[in-house]
Amino acid sequence: MPPEHERGWKDVVFVRRNETVRLAARFDQPAGRAHPFMYHCHILEHEDNGMMGQFTVA
């Protein structure tokens, strides 16, 4: 079980080197091609490594 300060809902995840993280989320509104949701890392160089992107929800 995670430490107490790591339990509960989050919108930010710290990922260490060589670590894999799985996220579970519920989206109550659609996000189409014109206005997709996005995810990103706060280090711009990581964009090329798949840590920044967009996704749609039907």
N, C-alpha and C. Protein backbone atom coordinates (compact mmCIF):
# COMPACT_ATOMS: atom_id res chain seq x y z
N MET A 1 0.85 -1.18 0.00
CA MET A 1 0.00 0.00 0.00
C MET A 1 0.90 1.24 0.00
N PRO A 2 0.51 2.28 -0.77
CA PRO A 2 1.33 3.49 -0.80
C PRO A 2 1.31 4.23 0.53
N PRO A 3 2.34 5.05 0.78
CA PRO A 3 2.32 5.85 2.02
C PRO A 3 1.09 6.75 2.06
N GLU A 4 0.71 7.17 3.23
CA GLU A 4 -0.52 7.95 3.41
C GLU A 4 -0.57 9.19 2.51
N HIS A 5 0.55 9.90 2.37
CA HIS A 5 0.55 11.12 1.57
C HIS A 5 0.41 10.84 0.07
N GLU A 6 0.55 9.59 -0.35
CA GLU A 6 0.41 9.22 -1.76
C GLU A 6 -0.97 8.63 -2.08
N ARG A 7 -1.80 8.46 -1.09
CA ARG A 7 -3.13 7.88 -1.30
C ARG A 7 -4.12 8.95 -1.76
N GLY A 8 -5.13 8.53 -2.47
CA GLY A 8 -6.17 9.46 -2.90
C GLY A 8 -6.00 9.90 -4.35
N TRP A 9 -6.91 10.75 -4.81
CA TRP A 9 -6.92 11.21 -6.19
C TRP A 9 -5.78 12.17 -6.44
N LYS A 10 -5.16 12.04 -7.61
CA LYS A 10 -4.06 12.92 -8.01
C LYS A 10 -4.26 13.39 -9.44
N ASP A 11 -3.71 14.55 -9.77
CA ASP A 11 -3.66 14.97 -11.16
C ASP A 11 -2.22 15.16 -11.61
N VAL A 12 -1.27 14.82 -10.74
CA VAL A 12 0.15 14.88 -11.05
C VAL A 12 0.78 13.59 -10.56
N VAL A 13 1.65 13.01 -11.35
CA VAL A 13 2.31 11.76 -10.98
C VAL A 13 3.81 11.92 -11.16
N PHE A 14 4.58 11.60 -10.14
CA PHE A 14 6.04 11.61 -10.22
C PHE A 14 6.50 10.24 -10.72
N VAL A 15 7.22 10.20 -11.81
CA VAL A 15 7.69 8.95 -12.40
C VAL A 15 9.21 8.95 -12.38
N ARG A 16 9.76 7.98 -11.69
CA ARG A 16 11.22 7.87 -11.61
C ARG A 16 11.77 7.19 -12.86
N ARG A 17 13.07 7.30 -13.07
CA ARG A 17 13.74 6.68 -14.20
C ARG A 17 13.45 5.18 -14.24
N ASN A 18 13.10 4.68 -15.42
CA ASN A 18 12.80 3.26 -15.65
C ASN A 18 11.57 2.77 -14.88
N GLU A 19 10.73 3.66 -14.41
CA GLU A 19 9.52 3.28 -13.69
C GLU A 19 8.33 3.33 -14.63
N THR A 20 7.39 2.43 -14.45
CA THR A 20 6.16 2.42 -15.22
C THR A 20 5.01 2.76 -14.28
N VAL A 21 4.13 3.63 -14.74
CA VAL A 21 2.98 4.04 -13.93
C VAL A 21 1.72 3.80 -14.75
N ARG A 22 0.70 3.24 -14.13
CA ARG A 22 -0.60 3.06 -14.77
C ARG A 22 -1.59 4.00 -14.11
N LEU A 23 -2.39 4.65 -14.93
CA LEU A 23 -3.37 5.60 -14.43
C LEU A 23 -4.77 5.10 -14.72
N ALA A 24 -5.66 5.32 -13.79
CA ALA A 24 -7.08 5.04 -14.00
C ALA A 24 -7.82 6.36 -13.86
N ALA A 25 -8.60 6.70 -14.86
CA ALA A 25 -9.31 7.99 -14.84
C ALA A 25 -10.70 7.82 -15.45
N ARG A 26 -11.60 8.64 -15.01
CA ARG A 26 -12.95 8.67 -15.56
C ARG A 26 -13.15 10.03 -16.22
N PHE A 27 -13.66 10.00 -17.43
CA PHE A 27 -13.92 11.22 -18.18
C PHE A 27 -15.42 11.32 -18.42
N ASP A 28 -16.03 12.32 -17.83
CA ASP A 28 -17.48 12.50 -17.91
C ASP A 28 -17.92 13.39 -19.07
N GLN A 29 -16.99 13.86 -19.85
CA GLN A 29 -17.34 14.69 -21.00
C GLN A 29 -16.49 14.25 -22.19
N PRO A 30 -17.04 14.39 -23.39
CA PRO A 30 -16.27 14.00 -24.57
C PRO A 30 -15.15 15.01 -24.86
N ALA A 31 -14.16 14.56 -25.58
CA ALA A 31 -13.07 15.42 -26.05
C ALA A 31 -12.74 14.95 -27.45
N GLY A 32 -13.20 15.70 -28.44
CA GLY A 32 -13.00 15.32 -29.83
C GLY A 32 -11.71 15.86 -30.41
N ARG A 33 -11.53 15.64 -31.71
CA ARG A 33 -10.31 16.06 -32.39
C ARG A 33 -10.07 17.58 -32.30
N ALA A 34 -11.14 18.35 -32.31
CA ALA A 34 -10.99 19.81 -32.27
C ALA A 34 -10.50 20.30 -30.90
N HIS A 35 -10.85 19.58 -29.81
CA HIS A 35 -10.47 19.98 -28.46
C HIS A 35 -10.11 18.74 -27.63
N PRO A 36 -8.99 18.08 -27.94
CA PRO A 36 -8.61 16.86 -27.22
C PRO A 36 -8.07 17.17 -25.82
N PHE A 37 -8.07 16.16 -24.97
CA PHE A 37 -7.38 16.25 -23.68
C PHE A 37 -5.89 16.09 -23.96
N MET A 38 -5.06 16.49 -23.00
CA MET A 38 -3.63 16.32 -23.19
C MET A 38 -2.98 15.82 -21.91
N TYR A 39 -1.81 15.24 -22.07
CA TYR A 39 -0.96 14.88 -20.94
C TYR A 39 0.43 15.40 -21.26
N HIS A 40 1.21 15.69 -20.25
CA HIS A 40 2.54 16.22 -20.52
C HIS A 40 3.46 16.08 -19.33
N CYS A 41 4.73 16.12 -19.64
CA CYS A 41 5.80 16.17 -18.66
C CYS A 41 6.24 17.62 -18.57
N HIS A 42 6.75 18.05 -17.45
CA HIS A 42 7.18 19.44 -17.29
C HIS A 42 8.60 19.69 -17.79
N ILE A 43 9.22 18.70 -18.40
CA ILE A 43 10.54 18.87 -19.01
C ILE A 43 10.35 18.81 -20.52
N LEU A 44 10.54 19.92 -21.20
CA LEU A 44 10.21 20.01 -22.62
C LEU A 44 10.95 19.00 -23.48
N GLU A 45 12.18 18.65 -23.12
CA GLU A 45 12.93 17.68 -23.91
C GLU A 45 12.25 16.31 -23.94
N HIS A 46 11.39 16.04 -23.00
CA HIS A 46 10.72 14.75 -22.92
C HIS A 46 9.60 14.60 -23.95
N GLU A 47 9.21 15.68 -24.57
CA GLU A 47 8.17 15.60 -25.60
C GLU A 47 8.53 14.57 -26.67
N ASP A 48 9.79 14.53 -27.06
CA ASP A 48 10.24 13.60 -28.10
C ASP A 48 10.24 12.16 -27.62
N ASN A 49 10.12 11.94 -26.31
CA ASN A 49 10.14 10.58 -25.75
C ASN A 49 8.75 10.10 -25.35
N GLY A 50 7.71 10.73 -25.89
CA GLY A 50 6.35 10.25 -25.66
C GLY A 50 5.73 10.70 -24.36
N MET A 51 6.31 11.69 -23.70
CA MET A 51 5.76 12.14 -22.44
C MET A 51 4.89 13.38 -22.60
N MET A 52 4.47 13.65 -23.82
CA MET A 52 3.54 14.74 -24.10
C MET A 52 2.67 14.29 -25.25
N GLY A 53 1.39 14.43 -25.10
CA GLY A 53 0.51 14.00 -26.18
C GLY A 53 -0.92 14.43 -25.95
N GLN A 54 -1.77 14.08 -26.88
CA GLN A 54 -3.18 14.40 -26.82
C GLN A 54 -3.98 13.11 -27.00
N PHE A 55 -5.20 13.09 -26.47
CA PHE A 55 -6.09 11.95 -26.68
C PHE A 55 -7.53 12.40 -26.71
N THR A 56 -8.36 11.63 -27.38
CA THR A 56 -9.78 11.96 -27.48
C THR A 56 -10.59 10.96 -26.67
N VAL A 57 -11.79 11.39 -26.28
CA VAL A 57 -12.71 10.56 -25.53
C VAL A 57 -14.07 10.69 -26.19
N ALA A 58 -14.66 9.56 -26.57
CA ALA A 58 -15.96 9.59 -27.23
C ALA A 58 -17.09 9.52 -26.22
